Amino acid sequence: MACTAVQPNLTAREQAHFLYDAIPPGLFRVEDEQERIAWRISPEPFPLSPASVAHIEQIGGDLLAFYRALNALYLRSARGTAPAFIAEYLDRGKPDQIVRLTRQNRFKQEIPGVIRPDLLLTDDGFVASELDSIPGGLGFVGAMSEAYCKLGIESVGGADGMPRAFAEMLRATSGVAEPTAAIVVSDESGDYRPEMRWLADAVQRLGLAKVHVCAPQEIVFTEDALFVRLEGGREEKLDVLYRNFELFDLLNIPKQELMLYAARHNTVKMTPPPKAHLEEKLSFALLHHPRLAPLWRTEMGTEVYERMRALLPQTWVLDPRPLPPQASIDGLTAAGAPVNDWRQLLELGKSERDYVTKPSGFSELAWGSRGVKIANDLTKEEWAQTLDGALASFDRTPYVLQRFHKGKRLRQPYFNRAQDDISQFDGRVRLCPYFFVVGEASKQSVKLGGVLATVAPADKRLIHGMKEAVMSPCIMKDDGY
């Protein structure tokens, strides 16, 4: 889609007014029913330099290699040809049904079709604080990119980059030129249903695939195929089922056994595959584990391994089991001394606690920043409660300790609706590039569909979607960040 301004030569204020009306309402829930949009609008997308865009594209390829390597090391560990603690950590707290699903031969080589890191722009470059394989924002970014396109502004990935890349991923997953797909959205993920409908409609407008958004109850099972029930009682046979529900909530999903049965018997392709080990944050700790370095290098190659170690922050599994007196936790110190016992961290002052704790995965607290605690925001008593609680939860929901990296400060323009003008604030940015796995299994690559920028006020410790934040796609500019 070529981006031609519907109304050229607008001022920044006029552009913001245009965008406020052009961005479809209802893509995200709003707290104030008088507002159409639940975030601040910028008159232009967030600017990235050509070097930053090239770096982000390289990150996409590196993450694909990382997922493949993580999957291979987990399966080798389960077979006994790699250290046992890899699978032991990644399986901890999960019911047997989930572990059996993860190890099914049918899904052996499969990895998620969508990969989205949370990249913090720091003074030293990018740091990926999270990885998500069931991300929100696909339709949200696509709709905003389309709105900016009407101003003649083309976002990174292209004005229709999100639906085109999503459709290409569906083709690669199914092996069908024009597949029929269902995006199955659970009640737990219900807030994402409006934007997924936008995405499905956009794919169909482009004539690339038939995509339907449905609830689990609208899936129809037969021994030979899986169908989606449409309005009027009509049914369509599915080639692909896009899983927009979390594995920790699996037992609460209607018809989940039938969907998984169909996926296991290859009557439908499911993405992301039901592989919980690929959704664990403690994979960051495994990447930084010195004993595993030769294995990671073998699986990814030395250059990708070194880039991934620089991208993913240093992370440790909060494992409460005692260490021998002569042992210490690699890379972790407290007051200059090697850490042998987690409780040594309790004596650190606020300024020394540059850490974050978070549940590793397979928990309702493991997404949306719900379980994240920044250590130097806590009182000494709160820090002790947080650390003790995380250690006590090890058998049910392992937690990780991660280095905290502060984002680069920058000035962000936005449309101040109260003053009906453009204002600015000091902020920090999180960039979420959406990578789609495309190509044949033996020649997989990733395609960048778009990049979401979330700029939160600098006094906010966690950067996420909020009414005080600017949210926009990104644009490539020579003077960008």
Protein backbone atom coordinates (compact mmCIF):
# COMPACT_ATOMS: atom_id res chain seq x y z
CA MET A 1 0.00 0.00 0.00
CA ALA A 2 1.45 3.35 -1.05
CA CYS A 3 1.04 6.03 1.58
CA THR A 4 -0.52 9.16 0.08
CA ALA A 5 -1.77 11.93 2.32
CA VAL A 6 -5.56 12.20 2.33
CA GLN A 7 -5.15 15.70 3.72
CA PRO A 8 -1.65 17.01 2.90
CA ASN A 9 0.24 19.89 4.52
CA LEU A 10 -1.39 19.63 7.93
CA THR A 11 0.21 21.11 11.02
CA ALA A 12 1.28 18.77 13.83
CA ARG A 13 -1.85 19.73 15.78
CA GLU A 14 -4.06 19.04 12.76
CA GLN A 15 -2.34 15.70 12.20
CA ALA A 16 -3.05 14.71 15.79
CA HIS A 17 -6.73 15.64 15.38
CA PHE A 18 -6.88 13.59 12.18
CA LEU A 19 -5.29 10.56 13.89
CA TYR A 20 -7.61 10.77 16.88
CA ASP A 21 -10.55 10.40 14.49
CA ALA A 22 -8.86 7.91 12.09
CA ILE A 23 -7.62 5.30 14.58
CA PRO A 24 -10.48 2.84 15.08
CA PRO A 25 -12.02 3.02 18.57
CA GLY A 26 -12.33 -0.06 20.74
CA LEU A 27 -8.98 -1.64 19.91
CA PHE A 28 -8.16 -1.36 23.60
CA ARG A 29 -10.44 -0.98 26.59
CA VAL A 30 -10.79 2.64 27.77
CA GLU A 31 -11.36 3.59 31.40
CA ASP A 32 -13.22 6.80 30.51
CA GLU A 33 -16.18 6.13 28.22
CA GLN A 34 -15.88 9.70 26.92
CA GLU A 35 -12.50 8.84 25.37
CA ARG A 36 -12.12 6.98 22.09
CA ILE A 37 -8.47 6.10 22.66
CA ALA A 38 -6.80 4.93 25.88
CA TRP A 39 -3.36 6.42 25.29
CA ARG A 40 -1.67 9.63 24.14
CA ILE A 41 -1.34 10.25 20.41
CA SER A 42 1.81 11.54 18.76
CA PRO A 43 1.46 13.55 15.54
CA GLU A 44 4.21 11.35 14.02
CA PRO A 45 5.40 7.76 14.56
CA PHE A 46 8.40 7.21 16.80
CA PRO A 47 11.59 7.87 14.77
CA LEU A 48 14.26 5.17 14.43
CA SER A 49 17.54 5.61 12.59
CA PRO A 50 18.38 3.32 9.65
CA ALA A 51 21.07 1.70 11.84
CA SER A 52 18.52 0.95 14.58
CA VAL A 53 16.07 -0.57 12.08
CA ALA A 54 18.85 -2.74 10.65
CA HIS A 55 19.82 -3.81 14.19
CA ILE A 56 16.20 -4.70 14.99
CA GLU A 57 15.95 -6.79 11.83
CA GLN A 58 19.13 -8.64 12.85
CA ILE A 59 17.63 -9.23 16.30
CA GLY A 60 14.70 -10.99 14.61
CA GLY A 61 16.99 -13.52 12.95
CA ASP A 62 18.94 -14.01 16.16
CA LEU A 63 15.74 -14.67 18.14
CA LEU A 64 14.67 -17.28 15.61
CA ALA A 65 18.04 -19.02 16.16
CA PHE A 66 17.61 -18.68 19.93
CA TYR A 67 14.17 -20.32 19.92
CA ARG A 68 15.47 -23.18 17.78
CA ALA A 69 18.44 -23.65 20.09
CA LEU A 70 16.32 -23.51 23.25
CA ASN A 71 13.96 -26.10 21.80
CA ALA A 72 16.84 -28.38 20.81
CA LEU A 73 18.56 -28.13 24.21
CA TYR A 74 15.32 -28.85 26.05
CA LEU A 75 14.65 -31.98 23.98
CA ARG A 76 18.25 -33.13 24.34
CA SER A 77 18.01 -32.63 28.10
CA ALA A 78 14.78 -34.64 28.23
CA ARG A 79 16.53 -37.45 26.30
CA GLY A 80 19.60 -37.35 28.55
CA THR A 81 22.10 -35.99 25.99
CA ALA A 82 22.34 -32.53 27.60
CA PRO A 83 22.44 -31.54 31.29
CA ALA A 84 19.29 -32.71 33.09
CA PHE A 85 18.75 -29.39 34.88
CA ILE A 86 17.66 -27.70 31.60
CA ALA A 87 14.46 -29.75 31.31
CA GLU A 88 14.11 -29.91 35.10
CA TYR A 89 13.95 -26.11 35.32
CA LEU A 90 11.74 -25.63 32.25
CA ASP A 91 9.24 -28.30 33.38
CA ARG A 92 9.08 -27.24 37.03
CA GLY A 93 5.59 -26.40 38.29
CA LYS A 94 3.82 -27.76 35.22
CA PRO A 95 1.26 -30.58 35.29
CA ASP A 96 2.11 -33.84 33.55
CA GLN A 97 -0.33 -33.08 30.73
CA ILE A 98 1.62 -29.95 29.76
CA VAL A 99 4.97 -31.73 29.93
CA ARG A 100 3.68 -34.57 27.75
CA LEU A 101 2.34 -32.06 25.22
CA THR A 102 5.67 -30.27 25.14
CA ARG A 103 7.53 -33.49 24.33
CA GLN A 104 5.17 -34.85 21.67
CA ASN A 105 6.96 -35.93 18.51
CA ARG A 106 4.30 -34.19 16.44
CA PHE A 107 5.46 -30.79 17.74
CA LYS A 108 9.12 -31.74 18.04
CA GLN A 109 10.66 -29.15 15.71
CA GLU A 110 7.94 -26.49 15.87
CA ILE A 111 8.51 -23.00 17.25
CA PRO A 112 6.10 -20.06 17.57
CA GLY A 113 4.96 -18.30 14.40
CA VAL A 114 5.13 -14.85 16.03
CA ILE A 115 8.07 -13.59 18.09
CA ARG A 116 7.90 -10.26 19.91
CA PRO A 117 10.65 -9.00 22.18
CA ASP A 118 10.29 -6.01 24.51
CA LEU A 119 13.34 -3.92 23.65
CA LEU A 120 14.40 -1.17 26.02
CA LEU A 121 16.36 1.62 24.35
CA THR A 122 19.19 2.34 26.80
CA ASP A 123 22.21 4.63 26.58
CA ASP A 124 24.21 1.53 25.58
CA GLY A 125 21.81 0.15 22.96
CA PHE A 126 18.97 -2.37 23.06
CA VAL A 127 18.18 -4.70 25.96
CA ALA A 128 15.37 -7.28 25.65
CA SER A 129 13.55 -7.46 28.97
CA GLU A 130 10.91 -9.96 27.74
CA LEU A 131 10.08 -12.35 24.92
CA ASP A 132 6.47 -13.07 23.98
CA SER A 133 5.13 -15.68 21.55
CA ILE A 134 1.43 -14.87 22.14
CA PRO A 135 1.64 -11.09 21.97
CA GLY A 136 -1.09 -8.53 21.92
CA GLY A 137 -0.84 -5.56 19.60
CA LEU A 138 -0.92 -7.24 16.17
CA GLY A 139 -4.12 -5.54 15.05
CA PHE A 140 -3.44 -2.47 17.19
CA VAL A 141 -0.14 -1.70 15.41
CA GLY A 142 -1.64 -2.54 12.03
CA ALA A 143 -4.56 -0.16 12.54
CA MET A 144 -2.31 2.69 13.70
CA SER A 145 0.08 2.15 10.77
CA GLU A 146 -2.88 2.41 8.41
CA ALA A 147 -4.02 5.66 10.07
CA TYR A 148 -0.57 7.27 9.78
CA CYS A 149 -0.43 6.09 6.16
CA LYS A 150 -3.44 8.31 5.44
CA LEU A 151 -1.18 11.23 6.42
CA GLY A 152 1.41 10.06 3.88
CA ILE A 153 3.63 8.53 6.60
CA GLU A 154 4.85 4.97 6.04
CA SER A 155 5.73 3.02 9.19
CA VAL A 156 8.55 0.51 9.53
CA GLY A 157 7.29 -2.75 8.03
CA GLY A 158 4.92 -0.94 5.67
CA ALA A 159 1.42 0.42 6.05
CA ASP A 160 -0.07 -3.07 5.70
CA GLY A 161 2.98 -4.90 7.03
CA MET A 162 1.20 -6.55 9.97
CA PRO A 163 -1.64 -8.26 8.05
CA ARG A 164 0.67 -9.21 5.17
CA ALA A 165 3.29 -10.72 7.47
CA PHE A 166 0.63 -12.49 9.54
CA ALA A 167 -0.86 -14.02 6.39
CA GLU A 168 2.58 -15.11 5.18
CA MET A 169 3.17 -16.79 8.54
CA LEU A 170 -0.16 -18.62 8.22
CA ARG A 171 0.83 -19.83 4.73
CA ALA A 172 4.18 -21.06 6.01
CA THR A 173 2.59 -22.79 9.00
CA SER A 174 -0.11 -24.55 6.98
CA GLY A 175 1.70 -25.15 3.70
CA VAL A 176 -1.47 -23.86 1.98
CA ALA A 177 -1.33 -20.94 -0.47
CA GLU A 178 -4.58 -19.36 0.73
CA PRO A 179 -5.28 -20.92 4.13
CA THR A 180 -8.38 -20.73 6.27
CA ALA A 181 -7.45 -19.84 9.84
CA ALA A 182 -9.17 -19.27 13.16
CA ILE A 183 -7.77 -16.93 15.78
CA VAL A 184 -9.11 -18.58 18.93
CA VAL A 185 -9.40 -16.02 21.73
CA SER A 186 -10.17 -17.24 25.25
CA ASP A 187 -12.18 -15.31 27.82
CA GLU A 188 -8.93 -14.66 29.74
CA SER A 189 -7.54 -12.93 26.61
CA GLY A 190 -10.85 -11.28 25.71
CA ASP A 191 -9.39 -7.74 25.69
CA TYR A 192 -7.48 -8.69 22.53
CA ARG A 193 -10.57 -9.79 20.57
CA PRO A 194 -11.33 -6.36 18.95
CA GLU A 195 -7.82 -5.88 17.59
CA MET A 196 -7.70 -9.48 16.37
CA ARG A 197 -10.93 -8.84 14.48
CA TRP A 198 -9.29 -5.83 12.86
CA LEU A 199 -6.32 -8.01 11.86
CA ALA A 200 -8.55 -10.78 10.45
CA ASP A 201 -10.57 -8.26 8.43
CA ALA A 202 -7.38 -6.64 7.09
CA VAL A 203 -5.97 -9.99 5.94
CA GLN A 204 -9.22 -10.79 4.16
CA ARG A 205 -9.41 -7.33 2.53
CA LEU A 206 -5.98 -8.02 1.05
CA GLY A 207 -7.23 -11.37 -0.27
CA LEU A 208 -4.38 -13.29 1.36
CA ALA A 209 -6.28 -15.77 3.55
CA LYS A 210 -9.61 -16.43 5.21
CA VAL A 211 -9.23 -15.54 8.88
CA HIS A 212 -11.96 -15.78 11.51
CA VAL A 213 -11.85 -14.68 15.14
CA CYS A 214 -13.78 -17.00 17.41
CA ALA A 215 -14.24 -18.23 20.94
CA PRO A 216 -13.14 -21.81 21.78
CA GLN A 217 -16.81 -22.84 21.92
CA GLU A 218 -17.18 -22.02 18.22
CA ILE A 219 -14.67 -24.68 17.17
CA VAL A 220 -16.26 -27.83 15.75
CA PHE A 221 -14.37 -31.14 15.91
CA THR A 222 -14.53 -34.19 13.69
CA GLU A 223 -12.05 -37.05 13.40
CA ASP A 224 -10.99 -35.80 9.97
CA ALA A 225 -10.85 -32.05 10.42
CA LEU A 226 -11.42 -29.03 12.64
CA PHE A 227 -14.05 -26.44 11.66
CA VAL A 228 -15.12 -22.99 12.81
CA ARG A 229 -18.84 -22.26 13.19
CA LEU A 230 -19.82 -18.98 11.56
CA GLU A 231 -22.97 -16.87 11.67
CA GLY A 232 -26.02 -18.66 10.35
CA GLY A 233 -24.64 -22.03 11.41
CA ARG A 234 -22.27 -22.35 8.42
CA GLU A 235 -18.97 -24.12 9.07
CA GLU A 236 -15.56 -23.78 7.43
CA LYS A 237 -12.73 -26.30 7.55
CA LEU A 238 -9.55 -24.92 9.17
CA ASP A 239 -5.97 -25.20 7.98
CA VAL A 240 -4.50 -23.23 10.89
CA LEU A 241 -5.52 -22.51 14.47
CA TYR A 242 -3.82 -19.46 15.95
CA ARG A 243 -3.75 -20.03 19.71
CA ASN A 244 -4.57 -16.77 21.49
CA PHE A 245 -4.80 -18.39 24.91
CA GLU A 246 -2.21 -19.25 27.51
CA LEU A 247 -1.16 -22.78 28.45
CA PHE A 248 -1.44 -22.06 32.19
CA ASP A 249 -5.17 -21.52 31.58
CA LEU A 250 -5.54 -24.61 29.38
CA LEU A 251 -7.87 -26.59 31.65
CA ASN A 252 -10.33 -23.67 31.64
CA ILE A 253 -10.47 -23.48 27.83
CA PRO A 254 -13.60 -25.13 26.35
CA LYS A 255 -12.80 -27.82 23.74
CA GLN A 256 -9.05 -27.57 24.39
CA GLU A 257 -8.69 -31.36 24.31
CA LEU A 258 -10.36 -31.54 20.90
CA MET A 259 -8.18 -28.74 19.48
CA LEU A 260 -5.03 -30.42 20.79
CA TYR A 261 -6.18 -33.82 19.50
CA ALA A 262 -6.60 -32.34 16.02
CA ALA A 263 -3.19 -30.66 16.21
CA ARG A 264 -1.50 -33.88 17.40
CA HIS A 265 -3.08 -35.84 14.55
CA ASN A 266 -2.13 -33.18 12.01
CA THR A 267 -5.68 -32.43 10.86
CA VAL A 268 -4.96 -28.78 11.71
CA LYS A 269 -1.77 -26.81 12.33
CA MET A 270 -1.55 -24.95 15.65
CA THR A 271 0.63 -21.96 16.30
CA PRO A 272 2.16 -21.20 18.66
CA PRO A 273 2.64 -24.91 19.37
CA PRO A 274 1.68 -26.10 22.88
CA LYS A 275 5.27 -26.01 24.12
CA ALA A 276 5.46 -24.35 27.52
CA HIS A 277 9.26 -24.45 27.69
CA LEU A 278 9.42 -21.84 24.92
CA GLU A 279 7.44 -19.40 27.09
CA GLU A 280 9.74 -19.37 30.15
CA LYS A 281 11.76 -16.31 31.18
CA LEU A 282 14.31 -18.54 32.90
CA SER A 283 15.56 -19.38 29.40
CA PHE A 284 17.51 -16.09 29.80
CA ALA A 285 19.28 -17.64 32.80
CA LEU A 286 20.08 -20.76 30.81
CA LEU A 287 21.62 -18.63 28.07
CA HIS A 288 23.94 -16.98 30.62
CA HIS A 289 24.81 -20.26 32.40
CA PRO A 290 28.58 -20.79 31.93
CA ARG A 291 28.28 -24.57 31.84
CA LEU A 292 25.93 -24.38 28.87
CA ALA A 293 28.03 -21.96 26.78
CA PRO A 294 29.54 -24.69 24.51
CA LEU A 295 26.08 -26.10 23.81
CA TRP A 296 24.60 -22.71 22.92
CA ARG A 297 27.58 -21.95 20.65
CA THR A 298 27.11 -25.26 18.87
CA GLU A 299 23.39 -24.70 18.35
CA MET A 300 23.47 -20.99 17.38
CA GLY A 301 27.01 -20.25 16.29
CA THR A 302 29.42 -18.08 18.25
CA GLU A 303 28.42 -14.73 16.70
CA VAL A 304 24.69 -15.15 17.37
CA TYR A 305 25.43 -16.51 20.86
CA GLU A 306 27.50 -13.46 21.77
CA ARG A 307 24.89 -11.06 20.38
CA MET A 308 22.15 -12.82 22.34
CA ARG A 309 24.16 -12.63 25.56
CA ALA A 310 24.48 -8.88 25.02
CA LEU A 311 20.77 -8.52 24.21
CA LEU A 312 19.23 -10.61 27.00
CA PRO A 313 19.96 -9.22 30.49
CA GLN A 314 21.86 -11.31 33.01
CA THR A 315 19.31 -13.53 34.76
CA TRP A 316 19.32 -16.10 37.57
CA VAL A 317 16.76 -18.70 38.61
CA LEU A 318 15.65 -18.08 42.20
CA ASP A 319 16.34 -21.64 43.27
CA PRO A 320 16.15 -22.04 47.08
CA ARG A 321 18.24 -25.21 47.27
CA PRO A 322 21.42 -24.67 49.32
CA LEU A 323 24.86 -24.52 47.73
CA PRO A 324 28.00 -26.21 49.09
CA PRO A 325 30.13 -23.79 51.19
CA GLN A 326 32.78 -23.54 48.45
CA ALA A 327 30.27 -22.71 45.66
CA SER A 328 28.80 -19.37 44.57
CA ILE A 329 26.19 -18.14 42.09
CA ASP A 330 27.98 -17.24 38.87
CA GLY A 331 28.13 -13.51 38.14
CA LEU A 332 26.19 -12.42 41.23
CA THR A 333 27.79 -10.41 44.03
CA ALA A 334 26.56 -8.58 47.11
CA ALA A 335 28.69 -5.81 48.63
CA GLY A 336 31.56 -7.04 46.46
CA ALA A 337 31.39 -10.62 47.75
CA PRO A 338 30.27 -13.66 45.70
CA VAL A 339 26.73 -14.76 46.57
CA ASN A 340 26.39 -18.22 48.10
CA ASP A 341 22.99 -17.63 49.70
CA TRP A 342 20.18 -15.51 48.26
CA ARG A 343 19.64 -13.87 51.63
CA GLN A 344 22.93 -12.00 51.16
CA LEU A 345 20.95 -9.79 48.77
CA LEU A 346 18.72 -8.63 51.64
CA GLU A 347 21.55 -6.54 53.06
CA LEU A 348 21.92 -4.47 49.89
CA GLY A 349 20.90 -0.82 50.04
CA LYS A 350 18.33 0.53 47.61
CA SER A 351 20.95 1.99 45.28
CA GLU A 352 22.67 -1.41 45.05
CA ARG A 353 19.53 -3.35 44.15
CA ASP A 354 19.55 -2.99 40.38
CA TYR A 355 17.38 -6.06 39.95
CA VAL A 356 13.92 -7.13 38.90
CA THR A 357 12.08 -10.23 40.10
CA LYS A 358 9.38 -11.82 37.97
CA PRO A 359 7.62 -15.19 37.59
CA SER A 360 9.29 -17.22 34.88
CA GLY A 361 6.10 -18.37 33.15
CA PHE A 362 3.06 -20.65 33.31
CA SER A 363 1.22 -18.30 35.65
CA GLU A 364 -1.45 -15.63 35.42
CA LEU A 365 1.19 -13.31 36.93
CA ALA A 366 3.73 -13.98 34.17
CA TRP A 367 2.33 -11.56 31.57
CA GLY A 368 1.35 -7.91 31.45
CA SER A 369 3.95 -6.93 34.10
CA ARG A 370 1.61 -8.31 36.78
CA GLY A 371 4.25 -10.13 38.80
CA VAL A 372 7.19 -7.79 38.18
CA LYS A 373 8.87 -6.14 41.18
CA ILE A 374 11.73 -3.65 40.84
CA ALA A 375 14.01 -4.23 43.81
CA ASN A 376 15.21 -0.67 44.34
CA ASP A 377 11.60 0.58 44.49
CA LEU A 378 10.96 -1.55 47.58
CA THR A 379 11.58 -0.92 51.25
CA LYS A 380 13.90 -3.34 52.99
CA GLU A 381 10.89 -5.21 54.42
CA GLU A 382 9.15 -5.36 51.03
CA TRP A 383 12.36 -6.56 49.38
CA ALA A 384 12.65 -9.36 51.97
CA GLN A 385 9.01 -10.37 51.43
CA THR A 386 9.45 -10.34 47.65
CA LEU A 387 12.61 -12.45 47.72
CA ASP A 388 11.26 -14.90 50.30
CA GLY A 389 7.98 -15.24 48.41
CA ALA A 390 9.76 -15.92 45.13
CA LEU A 391 11.99 -18.58 46.71
CA ALA A 392 9.02 -20.24 48.43
CA SER A 393 7.19 -20.44 45.09
CA PHE A 394 9.98 -22.38 43.35
CA ASP A 395 8.18 -25.73 43.10
CA ARG A 396 4.91 -24.17 41.86
CA THR A 397 6.05 -21.14 39.83
CA PRO A 398 9.79 -20.50 39.58
CA TYR A 399 10.85 -16.86 39.68
CA VAL A 400 13.89 -15.21 38.15
CA LEU A 401 16.15 -12.39 39.28
CA GLN A 402 17.19 -10.14 36.41
CA ARG A 403 19.47 -7.15 36.02
CA PHE A 404 17.44 -3.94 35.79
CA HIS A 405 18.37 -1.67 32.88
CA LYS A 406 17.10 1.90 32.83
CA GLY A 407 15.88 3.29 29.53
CA LYS A 408 17.39 6.28 27.77
CA ARG A 409 15.66 9.60 28.52
CA LEU A 410 14.17 11.39 25.54
CA ARG A 411 11.67 14.13 24.70
CA GLN A 412 8.35 12.90 23.34
CA PRO A 413 5.74 15.11 21.64
CA TYR A 414 2.06 14.28 22.12
CA PHE A 415 -1.37 15.74 21.50
CA ASN A 416 -2.51 17.45 24.70
CA ARG A 417 -6.29 17.27 24.34
CA ALA A 418 -6.92 19.48 27.38
CA GLN A 419 -4.93 22.32 25.76
CA ASP A 420 -5.80 21.31 22.17
CA ASP A 421 -2.13 21.60 21.21
CA ILE A 422 1.13 19.66 20.99
CA SER A 423 3.04 19.26 24.26
CA GLN A 424 6.13 17.28 25.25
CA PHE A 425 7.28 15.18 28.19
CA ASP A 426 10.47 13.43 29.34
CA GLY A 427 10.06 9.76 28.64
CA ARG A 428 11.64 6.35 28.17
CA VAL A 429 10.73 4.02 25.34
CA ARG A 430 10.00 0.33 24.92
CA LEU A 431 10.09 -0.98 21.36
CA CYS A 432 8.12 -4.09 20.42
CA PRO A 433 9.03 -5.40 16.96
CA TYR A 434 6.70 -8.08 15.59
CA PHE A 435 8.58 -10.85 13.79
CA PHE A 436 6.69 -13.48 11.80
CA VAL A 437 8.30 -16.84 11.02
CA VAL A 438 7.97 -17.48 7.29
CA GLY A 439 9.35 -19.86 4.66
CA GLU A 440 9.64 -23.62 4.46
CA ALA A 441 10.72 -25.53 7.57
CA SER A 442 14.25 -26.05 6.22
CA LYS A 443 14.61 -22.40 5.15
CA GLN A 444 12.79 -20.46 7.82
CA SER A 445 13.40 -16.75 8.28
CA VAL A 446 11.57 -13.90 9.96
CA LYS A 447 9.67 -11.00 8.48
CA LEU A 448 9.28 -7.73 10.36
CA GLY A 449 5.62 -6.69 10.27
CA GLY A 450 5.93 -3.52 12.32
CA VAL A 451 7.33 -1.98 15.50
CA LEU A 452 5.27 -0.59 18.37
CA ALA A 453 6.82 2.20 20.43
CA THR A 454 5.50 2.81 23.94
CA VAL A 455 6.93 5.98 25.48
CA ALA A 456 6.07 6.31 29.18
CA PRO A 457 6.85 9.32 31.38
CA ALA A 458 10.38 9.05 32.76
CA ASP A 459 9.16 8.76 36.35
CA LYS A 460 7.31 5.50 35.52
CA ARG A 461 9.51 2.56 36.44
CA LEU A 462 7.77 0.01 34.22
CA ILE A 463 7.05 0.91 30.60
CA HIS A 464 3.73 -0.45 29.41
CA GLY A 465 0.50 0.69 27.84
CA MET A 466 -1.07 3.35 30.07
CA LYS A 467 -3.10 6.49 29.55
CA GLU A 468 -0.04 8.69 30.24
CA ALA A 469 2.04 6.91 27.56
CA VAL A 470 2.39 7.65 23.88
CA MET A 471 1.84 4.55 21.75
CA SER A 472 2.63 4.62 18.05
CA PRO A 473 4.24 2.64 15.25
CA CYS A 474 7.80 3.53 14.27
CA ILE A 475 9.16 5.33 11.23
CA MET A 476 12.70 5.28 9.82
CA LYS A 477 14.39 8.70 9.81
CA ASP A 478 18.03 9.68 9.40
CA ASP A 479 17.91 11.67 12.66
CA GLY A 480 15.98 8.99 14.58
CA TYR A 481 17.11 7.14 17.69
